[in-house]
Amino acid sequence: MSDASTNITNPRTSSAERKQAEGPSEKTEPLRSQNASSSVPRMQYLRLLLRSVGLGIACRIHGSEPRKALFHKSRRAVLAGSAVHILPAAVSACLLTYNIRGYFIGRELEGANSQDDLKLGALQISAKLQELLITASLGSIILNVIRRHLVFKDGVPLGLLGSDKAFAQVGLFWSVEFWGGVRSFRNQKWGQNTLLVGLLVMSGGLTLLAGPATAVLMIPRMMDLPTGGSIFWLNGSESQLRPAVLDADLLLDHDCSADQARLHDFACPSAGFLPLYYHYSRRFNFVENLYKLQLQDSTLTKNMFVSGAYAEHGDTWAYTTHAPSAVLETAAVSFYRDALLSLRVTRPGVAPYPANWVLAQTWKWYLKTQVPVVRVACIGHDPLRLVDEITLENMRFPKLDTYSLYEEKKKPAASVTIDVRDAVMTYFSANGLTAANTSTALLEQQVPNSLVIPIESLAGSASSLALFVLRNTTSFDGSSRGLAASTCTVDARWAKGYSVIESKGGGLVDQVLSYDFYGSQSRSIVDT
C-alpha cells in the first residue's frame, strides 16, 4: 500500500547487530524537521483534523500513500490535532459560566410554549453527547501520553497499552491488567510513570462524573433568584412603632369604648375578633388547621394567620404583619416595579437582563422586620355551680416558658397556681354580678354567655397576661345550671419575621398593583 517505509531501531544495539537485522544494505534518508508549510501539504492538516475527531474514514488517498515522517514540527498541526478538546472544553466553560453568573429564563424553557417535556428530553440528549465528547478528549490525551512512553521512554506494559479506551470502564481499575501494569513499574523510576497512572485514575473519575455533572449544569432548575432590594426607615421611636404594652396612650384619638368601634376599628386591639368567632364557632372547623383571614382598614389589606391547638393543652398561635412596615413595603414595591419596567425598555439586553425577569412565574418581596405574635395555652377545669373565694384561691394556669411549646409528647404540661380572688371579685362587683361585701358570686341565667377576666399575674418567663374564662352553660328552661371554667396564659411579643407581598402567574404588569400615594392606601395584600 505504501511505497516508503519507516524503520525504528533501538539505539542501544551495536552497528553489527543492526546490519544483520536490516539485511541487505539500503540507502535511507535521515529524518528531517519539517518546518516549512511546503513539506506538509495543505490537505494533510485537514486529514489530521478529521482523524483527531474520529472521521479518518473520510480521508481518501488517491494513488500511492505519501512518505510519512515520524515527527514534524508545526503549530497548525498541533491545533488541528487538538480539535477533539476544543468543543467539550468550550461547552463546559459556557455551562460553568452560566451556572456561576446565573441566567434567568422565565416560567418555562425558551422556544415554543408548553413544550418543556420535549425541550428537557433534548437537553438530556445534549448532556449525553457532551459526556461522550469529554470521554473522547480524555482518551486522546491518554493516547498521546502512551505514544510518548513508547517513543521516548522505556515503553508501556502490555496491560496498559489499550487503556486509552478501557479507562472509561470502572472495572479497569481492579483488573489484573491494570495492576499488573502498575506492578511492572516497580523496577523503574516512578517519576517517569506516575503521570500515566495518575492520568488514568483521574480520567476514569472524570468520566464517571461527566454525565451527571453535565446533566446538572445543563438542565435548568427551579430556584429563587435574588433581584435586588432596598432599605427604608420609619418615623417614630421603638416604643411608638413596637410598643411593649398596649394602653390607652397608644389609641391617640380612637375611641374604643363603643362596641362598634371596638370590633371594627383596627386601631383597637379587639378588632378582628368577629371573623375569628365566626370561623371557630362552626362545628367542622377543626382547630389544628391553619386559618387565614383578611383584615382591611383604610390604609392596608393584610392577612392574619391562626393555628389552633393540636391537643387539649396545646398552643394556639396568631400572627400578622406589622402595619406601618407593610404600608411602606407596598410603596417600595411600587417603586421597584416602575424602575424595572423602565429598565426593560431602555436596557433590555444588559445584565441582569430585566426583560427576562418580567417572565417570572411568581414574584415575592420579603421585608425583614418584627411582627406581632400571640400564643395562648388554656386548661379546662371541672364544671362549677358557683364561684367563691375558696374556688378562686388556687387556680391552675399553664406555664409558658421562652423558646418552648406548652406541651410536648410524653411530657406533662407545666402549670402554676395563682390566687385570682381579688381580680375576679373586683370584676364581678364592677359589673353587678355579685353584691358588695360578699364572698360568693352566683351567676344567673341572664349573665352573658362568656366572661373573660384579665389577671395581671404572670405564669412563666414568656407570660404576658393571664385570663380567667367563664362560660355560662345554664339551659334555657333552667333545668341545668353550671359554669365552664378555663384558665389561659397569653404570650404576646414581637418576633423576627418577614412581611411578604406575592404576585402569581403573570409577571409584574398585570399582577402587582401600584401604591396609591394620593390616598395613602395600599392595593396589595400583605402576608406574613
Protein backbone atom coordinates (compact mmCIF):
# COMPACT_ATOMS: atom_id res chain seq x y z
CA MET A 1 0.00 0.00 0.00
CA SER A 2 2.89 2.31 0.71
CA ASP A 3 5.95 2.95 -1.43
CA ALA A 4 8.04 4.01 1.56
CA SER A 5 8.84 2.51 4.91
CA THR A 6 9.95 3.90 8.22
CA ASN A 7 12.45 1.95 10.29
CA ILE A 8 12.69 2.47 14.04
CA THR A 9 15.78 0.89 15.60
CA ASN A 10 16.98 0.62 19.15
CA PRO A 11 19.96 2.96 19.70
CA ARG A 12 21.40 0.51 22.28
CA THR A 13 22.19 -2.21 19.65
CA SER A 14 25.59 -2.37 18.04
CA SER A 15 26.21 -1.49 14.41
CA ALA A 16 26.90 -5.15 13.53
CA GLU A 17 23.63 -6.24 15.06
CA ARG A 18 21.81 -3.51 13.17
CA LYS A 19 23.37 -4.60 9.85
CA GLN A 20 22.44 -8.24 10.49
CA ALA A 21 18.89 -7.24 11.40
CA GLU A 22 18.47 -4.92 8.45
CA GLY A 23 19.65 -7.40 5.84
CA PRO A 24 20.91 -6.04 2.51
CA SER A 25 22.25 -2.54 2.51
CA GLU A 26 19.69 0.03 1.55
CA LYS A 27 20.06 3.77 1.33
CA THR A 28 17.88 5.54 3.85
CA GLU A 29 17.22 9.18 4.33
CA PRO A 30 17.56 10.78 7.75
CA LEU A 31 14.53 12.21 9.48
CA ARG A 32 14.22 15.91 8.94
CA SER A 33 12.41 18.52 10.93
CA GLN A 34 9.77 19.83 8.59
CA ASN A 35 9.06 23.42 9.44
CA ALA A 36 8.07 24.80 6.08
CA SER A 37 4.47 24.57 5.03
CA SER A 38 5.59 23.17 1.67
CA SER A 39 6.85 19.99 3.41
CA VAL A 40 3.39 19.18 4.66
CA PRO A 41 0.65 19.51 2.06
CA ARG A 42 -2.23 21.70 2.97
CA MET A 43 -4.64 18.79 2.77
CA GLN A 44 -2.57 17.00 5.39
CA TYR A 45 -3.92 19.38 8.07
CA LEU A 46 -7.46 18.55 7.03
CA ARG A 47 -6.71 14.82 7.22
CA LEU A 48 -5.15 15.29 10.67
CA LEU A 49 -8.19 17.26 11.82
CA LEU A 50 -10.62 14.60 10.60
CA ARG A 51 -8.61 11.78 12.17
CA SER A 52 -8.42 13.57 15.53
CA VAL A 53 -12.22 13.70 15.75
CA GLY A 54 -12.66 10.08 14.63
CA LEU A 55 -13.54 10.72 10.98
CA GLY A 56 -10.44 9.20 9.42
CA ILE A 57 -12.58 7.18 7.00
CA ALA A 58 -13.27 10.41 5.13
CA CYS A 59 -9.55 10.85 4.35
CA ARG A 60 -9.30 9.24 0.90
CA ILE A 61 -5.85 8.98 -0.66
CA HIS A 62 -5.52 8.93 -4.44
CA GLY A 63 -2.59 6.94 -5.76
CA SER A 64 0.33 5.87 -3.64
CA GLU A 65 0.39 6.77 0.03
CA PRO A 66 2.86 9.62 0.58
CA ARG A 67 6.04 9.19 2.55
CA LYS A 68 5.37 9.61 6.28
CA ALA A 69 7.57 11.42 8.73
CA LEU A 70 7.76 10.16 12.27
CA PHE A 71 7.68 13.68 13.72
CA HIS A 72 7.31 17.11 12.29
CA LYS A 73 7.10 20.49 13.95
CA SER A 74 4.00 22.54 13.17
CA ARG A 75 1.75 24.68 15.34
CA ARG A 76 -1.10 24.31 12.89
CA ALA A 77 -0.82 20.54 13.08
CA VAL A 78 -0.98 20.73 16.88
CA LEU A 79 -4.08 22.92 16.70
CA ALA A 80 -5.69 20.55 14.22
CA GLY A 81 -4.94 17.59 16.47
CA SER A 82 -6.39 19.46 19.45
CA ALA A 83 -9.78 19.91 17.82
CA VAL A 84 -11.13 17.00 19.84
CA HIS A 85 -10.57 19.07 23.01
CA ILE A 86 -11.97 22.39 21.83
CA LEU A 87 -15.68 21.54 21.65
CA PRO A 88 -16.08 19.81 25.06
CA ALA A 89 -13.91 22.44 26.75
CA ALA A 90 -15.93 25.28 25.20
CA VAL A 91 -19.25 23.70 26.17
CA SER A 92 -18.04 23.05 29.73
CA ALA A 93 -16.78 26.63 30.06
CA CYS A 94 -20.11 28.02 28.86
CA LEU A 95 -22.08 25.81 31.25
CA LEU A 96 -19.90 26.81 34.20
CA THR A 97 -20.18 30.49 33.29
CA TYR A 98 -23.96 30.37 33.06
CA ASN A 99 -24.28 28.49 36.35
CA ILE A 100 -21.85 30.73 38.25
CA ARG A 101 -23.20 34.03 36.96
CA GLY A 102 -26.79 32.84 36.66
CA TYR A 103 -29.13 33.35 33.75
CA PHE A 104 -32.85 33.64 34.37
CA ILE A 105 -35.01 32.10 31.64
CA GLY A 106 -38.55 32.58 32.91
CA ARG A 107 -41.52 30.43 33.77
CA GLU A 108 -40.63 27.87 31.07
CA LEU A 109 -37.77 26.99 28.72
CA GLU A 110 -37.16 29.19 25.73
CA GLY A 111 -38.81 28.21 22.49
CA ALA A 112 -42.35 27.08 21.71
CA ASN A 113 -44.82 27.34 24.57
CA SER A 114 -45.93 24.28 26.54
CA GLN A 115 -43.12 22.10 25.14
CA ASP A 116 -40.95 21.75 28.24
CA ASP A 117 -41.04 17.93 28.19
CA LEU A 118 -39.64 17.86 24.65
CA LYS A 119 -37.04 20.51 25.47
CA LEU A 120 -35.87 18.67 28.57
CA GLY A 121 -35.50 15.48 26.53
CA ALA A 122 -33.32 17.34 24.01
CA LEU A 123 -31.19 18.72 26.84
CA GLN A 124 -30.69 15.23 28.25
CA ILE A 125 -29.51 14.02 24.84
CA SER A 126 -27.15 17.00 24.64
CA ALA A 127 -25.79 16.15 28.09
CA LYS A 128 -25.05 12.61 26.90
CA LEU A 129 -23.26 13.94 23.80
CA GLN A 130 -21.17 16.23 26.00
CA GLU A 131 -20.25 13.22 28.13
CA LEU A 132 -19.07 11.35 25.01
CA LEU A 133 -17.03 14.36 23.88
CA ILE A 134 -15.33 14.59 27.28
CA THR A 135 -14.53 10.87 27.15
CA ALA A 136 -13.05 11.24 23.66
CA SER A 137 -10.93 14.20 24.77
CA LEU A 138 -9.53 12.31 27.76
CA GLY A 139 -8.87 9.25 25.59
CA SER A 140 -6.90 11.40 23.15
CA ILE A 141 -4.74 12.77 25.97
CA ILE A 142 -4.04 9.27 27.33
CA LEU A 143 -3.17 8.03 23.83
CA ASN A 144 -0.67 10.87 23.38
CA VAL A 145 1.00 10.02 26.71
CA ILE A 146 1.23 6.35 25.70
CA ARG A 147 2.89 7.39 22.42
CA ARG A 148 5.49 9.41 24.28
CA HIS A 149 6.25 6.46 26.56
CA LEU A 150 6.65 4.17 23.55
CA VAL A 151 8.95 6.50 21.60
CA PHE A 152 10.97 8.43 24.19
CA LYS A 153 10.89 6.24 27.31
CA ASP A 154 11.02 2.55 28.21
CA GLY A 155 7.67 1.67 26.71
CA VAL A 156 4.33 0.75 28.25
CA PRO A 157 3.28 -2.53 29.93
CA LEU A 158 1.07 -4.67 27.74
CA GLY A 159 -1.80 -4.39 30.25
CA LEU A 160 -1.89 -0.59 29.86
CA LEU A 161 -1.46 -0.49 26.10
CA GLY A 162 -5.20 -0.24 25.43
CA SER A 163 -6.01 1.91 28.44
CA ASP A 164 -6.91 4.89 26.22
CA LYS A 165 -10.19 3.06 25.53
CA ALA A 166 -10.59 0.97 28.70
CA PHE A 167 -10.26 3.87 31.18
CA ALA A 168 -13.95 4.71 30.67
CA GLN A 169 -14.89 1.39 32.30
CA VAL A 170 -14.57 1.45 36.06
CA GLY A 171 -13.74 -2.26 36.09
CA LEU A 172 -10.31 -1.46 34.63
CA PHE A 173 -9.01 -0.20 37.97
CA TRP A 174 -9.38 -3.54 39.76
CA SER A 175 -8.49 -5.70 36.76
CA VAL A 176 -5.42 -7.93 36.55
CA GLU A 177 -4.16 -6.00 33.51
CA PHE A 178 -4.15 -2.65 35.31
CA TRP A 179 -2.47 -3.83 38.50
CA GLY A 180 -0.05 -5.97 36.52
CA GLY A 181 0.96 -2.88 34.58
CA VAL A 182 1.30 -0.84 37.76
CA ARG A 183 3.43 -3.50 39.47
CA SER A 184 5.70 -3.71 36.42
CA PHE A 185 6.88 -0.17 37.19
CA ARG A 186 8.45 -1.24 40.50
CA ASN A 187 11.83 -1.82 38.84
CA GLN A 188 11.69 1.54 37.05
CA LYS A 189 11.74 5.13 38.14
CA TRP A 190 8.29 6.00 39.42
CA GLY A 191 8.71 9.62 38.43
CA GLN A 192 8.53 8.67 34.75
CA ASN A 193 5.36 6.58 35.10
CA THR A 194 3.40 8.45 37.77
CA LEU A 195 1.92 10.70 35.09
CA LEU A 196 0.41 7.80 33.16
CA VAL A 197 -1.05 6.03 36.21
CA GLY A 198 -2.35 9.27 37.74
CA LEU A 199 -3.80 10.35 34.41
CA LEU A 200 -5.65 7.05 34.07
CA VAL A 201 -7.15 7.30 37.56
CA MET A 202 -8.13 10.95 37.14
CA SER A 203 -9.62 10.35 33.69
CA GLY A 204 -11.62 7.41 34.98
CA GLY A 205 -13.08 9.55 37.77
CA LEU A 206 -13.87 12.41 35.39
CA THR A 207 -15.60 10.02 33.01
CA LEU A 208 -17.83 8.70 35.79
CA LEU A 209 -18.75 12.22 36.89
CA ALA A 210 -19.02 13.81 33.45
CA GLY A 211 -22.53 12.53 32.73
CA PRO A 212 -24.26 13.50 35.99
CA ALA A 213 -22.35 16.78 36.29
CA THR A 214 -23.20 17.81 32.74
CA ALA A 215 -26.87 16.97 33.25
CA VAL A 216 -26.97 19.03 36.45
CA LEU A 217 -25.28 22.01 34.79
CA MET A 218 -27.21 21.82 31.51
CA ILE A 219 -30.79 21.23 32.69
CA PRO A 220 -32.34 24.41 34.18
CA ARG A 221 -33.54 24.34 37.78
CA MET A 222 -36.46 26.00 39.52
CA MET A 223 -34.97 28.29 42.13
CA ASP A 224 -35.41 31.64 43.82
CA LEU A 225 -33.38 34.29 42.02
CA PRO A 226 -32.49 37.38 44.08
CA THR A 227 -33.30 40.55 42.17
CA GLY A 228 -32.07 43.30 44.46
CA GLY A 229 -33.70 45.21 47.28
CA SER A 230 -33.76 48.42 49.24
CA ILE A 231 -33.64 49.82 52.78
CA PHE A 232 -36.11 52.29 54.26
CA TRP A 233 -36.73 53.86 57.65
CA LEU A 234 -39.90 54.53 59.64
CA ASN A 235 -40.51 57.77 61.51
CA GLY A 236 -41.03 57.21 65.21
CA SER A 237 -39.40 55.68 68.24
CA GLU A 238 -39.23 51.98 69.04
CA SER A 239 -41.84 52.36 71.77
CA GLN A 240 -44.21 54.06 69.33
CA LEU A 241 -43.75 51.63 66.46
CA ARG A 242 -43.50 48.42 68.52
CA PRO A 243 -44.93 49.08 71.98
CA ALA A 244 -44.26 46.57 74.72
CA VAL A 245 -47.55 47.37 76.49
CA LEU A 246 -50.88 48.25 74.88
CA ASP A 247 -52.62 51.00 76.83
CA ALA A 248 -54.89 53.97 76.24
CA ASP A 249 -51.98 56.26 75.35
CA LEU A 250 -51.46 54.34 72.10
CA LEU A 251 -55.05 54.82 70.93
CA LEU A 252 -54.50 58.55 70.26
CA ASP A 253 -57.86 59.89 69.02
CA HIS A 254 -59.53 56.50 68.65
CA ASP A 255 -62.45 55.75 70.97
CA CYS A 256 -62.61 52.01 71.62
CA SER A 257 -65.32 52.16 74.30
CA ALA A 258 -68.23 51.67 71.89
CA ASP A 259 -68.94 48.14 70.72
CA GLN A 260 -68.97 49.11 67.04
CA ALA A 261 -65.54 50.72 67.18
CA ARG A 262 -64.19 48.02 69.47
CA LEU A 263 -64.93 45.29 66.92
CA HIS A 264 -64.40 47.09 63.62
CA ASP A 265 -61.84 49.86 64.18
CA PHE A 266 -58.43 48.28 63.54
CA ALA A 267 -56.77 50.81 65.80
CA CYS A 268 -58.46 48.97 68.68
CA PRO A 269 -56.82 45.78 70.00
CA SER A 270 -60.05 43.73 69.80
CA ALA A 271 -60.65 44.41 66.10
CA GLY A 272 -60.71 41.19 64.12
CA PHE A 273 -62.50 39.21 66.82
CA LEU A 274 -65.67 38.67 64.81
CA PRO A 275 -64.01 36.85 61.86
CA LEU A 276 -62.29 34.53 64.31
CA TYR A 277 -65.52 33.93 66.20
CA TYR A 278 -67.50 33.16 63.05
CA HIS A 279 -64.86 30.68 61.93
CA TYR A 280 -64.26 28.75 65.15
CA SER A 281 -67.90 28.76 66.25
CA ARG A 282 -68.70 26.38 63.41
CA ARG A 283 -68.64 22.75 64.28
CA PHE A 284 -66.50 21.42 61.45
CA ASN A 285 -63.70 23.99 61.51
CA PHE A 286 -61.03 21.85 63.11
CA VAL A 287 -58.71 23.81 65.34
CA GLU A 288 -55.50 22.15 64.13
CA ASN A 289 -55.81 23.63 60.64
CA LEU A 290 -54.06 26.88 59.78
CA TYR A 291 -56.69 29.51 59.14
CA LYS A 292 -56.14 32.73 57.21
CA LEU A 293 -58.45 35.69 57.47
CA GLN A 294 -58.21 39.00 55.68
CA LEU A 295 -58.18 42.26 57.60
CA GLN A 296 -58.74 45.54 55.78
CA ASP A 297 -58.67 49.09 57.02
CA SER A 298 -58.32 52.45 55.34
CA THR A 299 -54.60 52.08 54.54
CA LEU A 300 -53.78 48.38 54.30
CA THR A 301 -55.12 44.94 53.43
CA LYS A 302 -53.31 42.14 55.24
CA ASN A 303 -53.78 38.51 56.20
CA MET A 304 -53.77 37.20 59.75
CA PHE A 305 -52.89 33.55 60.33
CA VAL A 306 -54.25 31.48 63.20
CA SER A 307 -53.06 27.99 64.08
CA GLY A 308 -55.22 26.15 66.58
CA ALA A 309 -54.05 23.88 69.37
CA TYR A 310 -53.24 20.36 68.26
CA ALA A 311 -54.11 18.82 71.64
CA GLU A 312 -56.23 19.58 74.68
CA HIS A 313 -53.44 21.59 76.30
CA GLY A 314 -51.66 22.77 73.16
CA ASP A 315 -50.67 26.20 71.95
CA THR A 316 -52.83 28.41 69.78
CA TRP A 317 -50.89 30.87 67.63
CA ALA A 318 -51.95 34.06 65.86
CA TYR A 319 -49.67 36.35 63.88
CA THR A 320 -49.85 39.04 61.24
CA THR A 321 -47.65 41.71 59.71
CA HIS A 322 -46.53 44.99 61.21
CA ALA A 323 -48.87 47.54 59.65
CA PRO A 324 -46.52 50.59 59.36
CA SER A 325 -43.76 48.45 57.84
CA ALA A 326 -46.19 46.75 55.45
CA VAL A 327 -47.58 50.06 54.18
CA LEU A 328 -44.14 51.37 53.31
CA GLU A 329 -43.19 47.99 51.84
CA THR A 330 -46.04 48.22 49.33
CA ALA A 331 -44.83 51.69 48.35
CA ALA A 332 -41.28 50.37 47.84
CA VAL A 333 -42.62 47.51 45.70
CA SER A 334 -44.43 50.04 43.53
CA PHE A 335 -41.17 51.98 43.02
CA TYR A 336 -39.35 48.74 42.21
CA ARG A 337 -41.93 47.78 39.60
CA ASP A 338 -41.71 51.15 37.86
CA ALA A 339 -37.89 51.02 37.82
CA LEU A 340 -37.89 47.51 36.38
CA LEU A 341 -40.34 48.43 33.64
CA SER A 342 -38.13 51.40 32.75
CA LEU A 343 -35.03 49.17 32.51
CA ARG A 344 -36.98 46.71 30.40
CA VAL A 345 -37.48 49.43 27.78
CA THR A 346 -34.12 51.21 27.99
CA ARG A 347 -31.70 48.33 28.70
CA PRO A 348 -33.45 45.03 27.93
CA GLY A 349 -30.34 43.07 26.89
CA VAL A 350 -27.89 44.31 29.52
CA ALA A 351 -27.13 42.28 32.63
CA PRO A 352 -29.06 41.47 34.76
CA TYR A 353 -31.46 41.25 31.78
CA PRO A 354 -34.65 42.88 33.11
CA ALA A 355 -36.58 41.74 30.02
CA ASN A 356 -36.29 38.16 31.29
CA TRP A 357 -37.30 38.99 34.84
CA VAL A 358 -40.77 40.00 33.74
CA LEU A 359 -41.32 36.39 32.61
CA ALA A 360 -41.15 35.09 36.19
CA GLN A 361 -43.96 32.81 37.30
CA THR A 362 -44.01 34.11 40.87
CA TRP A 363 -42.71 37.31 42.40
CA LYS A 364 -42.12 37.66 46.13
CA TRP A 365 -40.92 40.67 48.07
CA TYR A 366 -39.65 39.95 51.58
CA LEU A 367 -39.30 42.59 54.26
CA LYS A 368 -37.24 41.52 57.25
CA THR A 369 -38.89 43.06 60.26
CA GLN A 370 -40.53 42.27 63.59
CA VAL A 371 -44.14 41.08 63.56
CA PRO A 372 -46.71 40.76 66.37
CA VAL A 373 -47.16 37.17 67.55
CA VAL A 374 -49.58 35.91 70.19
CA ARG A 375 -49.84 32.39 71.57
CA VAL A 376 -52.36 31.18 74.10
CA ALA A 377 -52.48 27.98 76.15
CA CYS A 378 -55.52 27.03 78.23
CA ILE A 379 -56.50 24.49 80.87
CA GLY A 380 -60.09 23.32 81.26
CA HIS A 381 -61.45 22.81 84.80
CA ASP A 382 -64.34 20.87 86.28
CA PRO A 383 -67.78 22.49 85.90
CA LEU A 384 -68.71 24.92 88.66
CA ARG A 385 -72.10 25.67 90.22
CA LEU A 386 -70.89 28.88 91.79
CA VAL A 387 -67.76 30.96 92.10
CA ASP A 388 -66.49 31.80 95.57
CA GLU A 389 -63.22 32.88 97.10
CA ILE A 390 -62.31 29.35 98.10
CA THR A 391 -62.54 28.22 94.48
CA LEU A 392 -60.58 31.21 93.21
CA GLU A 393 -57.76 30.90 95.70
CA ASN A 394 -55.88 28.11 93.91
CA MET A 395 -56.45 28.18 90.16
CA ARG A 396 -54.00 26.38 87.88
CA PHE A 397 -52.68 28.31 84.87
CA PRO A 398 -50.48 27.00 82.03
CA LYS A 399 -46.82 27.86 82.46
CA LEU A 400 -45.29 29.31 79.30
CA ASP A 401 -41.52 29.44 79.08
CA THR A 402 -39.43 31.15 76.42
CA TYR A 403 -38.49 29.08 73.34
CA SER A 404 -40.64 26.09 74.29
CA LEU A 405 -44.06 24.72 73.44
CA TYR A 406 -46.58 24.39 76.21
CA GLU A 407 -46.96 20.64 75.90
CA GLU A 408 -44.78 18.06 74.20
CA LYS A 409 -45.35 14.37 73.63
CA LYS A 410 -44.62 12.12 76.62
CA LYS A 411 -44.09 15.18 78.78
CA PRO A 412 -46.67 16.52 81.26
CA ALA A 413 -47.83 20.09 80.81
CA ALA A 414 -46.36 22.51 83.33
CA SER A 415 -48.66 24.74 85.35
CA VAL A 416 -48.54 27.28 88.15
CA THR A 417 -51.10 28.10 90.86
CA ILE A 418 -52.33 31.70 91.07
CA ASP A 419 -54.68 33.38 93.55
CA VAL A 420 -57.24 35.24 91.40
CA ARG A 421 -59.72 36.20 94.14
CA ASP A 422 -59.10 39.95 94.06
CA ALA A 423 -59.19 40.30 90.29
CA VAL A 424 -62.32 38.18 89.77
CA MET A 425 -64.36 39.56 92.66
CA THR A 426 -63.46 43.13 91.68
CA TYR A 427 -64.65 42.40 88.16
CA PHE A 428 -67.90 40.88 89.43
CA SER A 429 -68.60 43.85 91.68
CA ALA A 430 -67.86 46.37 88.94
CA ASN A 431 -70.25 44.61 86.57
CA GLY A 432 -73.05 43.98 89.07
CA LEU A 433 -72.69 40.22 89.16
CA THR A 434 -72.47 39.99 92.95
CA ALA A 435 -73.45 42.05 95.91
CA ALA A 436 -70.86 44.08 97.71
CA ASN A 437 -69.11 42.63 100.77
CA THR A 438 -69.98 39.05 99.84
CA SER A 439 -67.63 36.23 99.03
CA THR A 440 -69.96 34.35 96.70
CA ALA A 441 -70.94 35.18 93.12
CA LEU A 442 -73.91 33.19 91.86
CA LEU A 443 -74.20 33.63 88.11
CA GLU A 444 -77.80 33.67 86.91
CA GLN A 445 -79.15 32.76 83.51
CA GLN A 446 -79.20 36.34 82.26
CA VAL A 447 -75.47 36.67 82.74
CA PRO A 448 -73.59 36.89 79.40
CA ASN A 449 -72.61 33.61 77.82
CA SER A 450 -68.88 34.19 78.24
CA LEU A 451 -66.77 36.26 80.57
CA VAL A 452 -63.05 36.88 80.08
CA ILE A 453 -61.35 38.40 83.11
CA PRO A 454 -57.72 39.60 82.76
CA ILE A 455 -55.28 38.61 85.50
CA GLU A 456 -52.05 40.59 85.76
CA SER A 457 -50.15 37.74 87.42
CA LEU A 458 -47.51 36.08 85.25
CA ALA A 459 -47.25 32.36 84.64
CA GLY A 460 -43.81 31.61 83.25
CA SER A 461 -40.94 33.57 81.71
CA ALA A 462 -42.84 34.06 78.44
CA SER A 463 -46.14 35.03 80.05
CA SER A 464 -47.58 38.45 79.27
CA LEU A 465 -51.07 38.08 80.71
CA ALA A 466 -53.35 35.52 82.37
CA LEU A 467 -57.06 35.10 81.60
CA PHE A 468 -59.85 33.61 83.68
CA VAL A 469 -62.64 32.49 81.33
CA LEU A 470 -66.18 31.58 82.43
CA ARG A 471 -68.84 30.25 80.09
CA ASN A 472 -72.43 30.05 81.27
CA THR A 473 -73.87 26.63 80.43
CA THR A 474 -77.26 27.18 82.08
CA SER A 475 -80.07 25.80 79.92
CA PHE A 476 -82.91 27.98 78.65
CA ASP A 477 -85.51 26.35 80.90
CA GLY A 478 -83.23 26.48 83.94
CA SER A 479 -83.29 22.74 84.43
CA SER A 480 -79.50 22.54 84.41
CA ARG A 481 -77.13 25.15 85.69
CA GLY A 482 -73.37 25.33 85.54
CA LEU A 483 -70.26 27.24 84.64
CA ALA A 484 -67.47 26.00 82.41
CA ALA A 485 -64.23 27.49 83.72
CA SER A 486 -60.92 27.75 81.85
CA THR A 487 -57.64 29.40 82.72
CA CYS A 488 -55.37 30.68 79.96
CA THR A 489 -51.91 32.17 79.70
CA VAL A 490 -51.08 34.64 76.94
CA ASP A 491 -47.64 35.12 75.40
CA ALA A 492 -47.74 38.34 73.35
CA ARG A 493 -44.47 39.56 71.87
CA TRP A 494 -42.63 40.91 68.87
CA ALA A 495 -40.86 38.19 66.91
CA LYS A 496 -38.48 38.20 63.97
CA GLY A 497 -40.36 37.56 60.76
CA TYR A 498 -40.96 38.56 57.17
CA SER A 499 -43.65 40.70 55.64
CA VAL A 500 -44.37 39.19 52.22
CA ILE A 501 -46.02 40.54 49.08
CA GLU A 502 -46.54 37.87 46.44
CA SER A 503 -47.57 38.06 42.80
CA LYS A 504 -48.54 34.87 40.99
CA GLY A 505 -48.96 33.82 37.42
CA GLY A 506 -48.15 36.66 35.12
CA GLY A 507 -45.27 38.95 35.88
CA LEU A 508 -45.25 42.49 37.11
CA VAL A 509 -47.52 44.47 34.83
CA ASP A 510 -50.85 42.75 35.44
CA GLN A 511 -50.42 41.40 38.96
CA VAL A 512 -48.62 43.99 41.06
CA LEU A 513 -50.80 46.99 41.79
CA SER A 514 -49.38 50.46 42.28
CA TYR A 515 -49.44 52.14 45.65
CA ASP A 516 -51.97 54.95 45.94
CA PHE A 517 -49.73 57.81 47.02
CA TYR A 518 -52.57 60.35 46.88
CA GLY A 519 -54.86 58.38 49.16
CA SER A 520 -52.02 56.78 51.19
CA GLN A 521 -53.54 53.37 50.60
CA SER A 522 -52.01 50.03 49.72
CA ARG A 523 -53.62 47.95 46.98
CA SER A 524 -51.61 44.77 47.54
CA ILE A 525 -52.40 42.05 50.07
CA VAL A 526 -49.59 41.58 52.58
CA ASP A 527 -48.80 38.17 54.10
CA THR A 528 -46.51 37.17 56.95
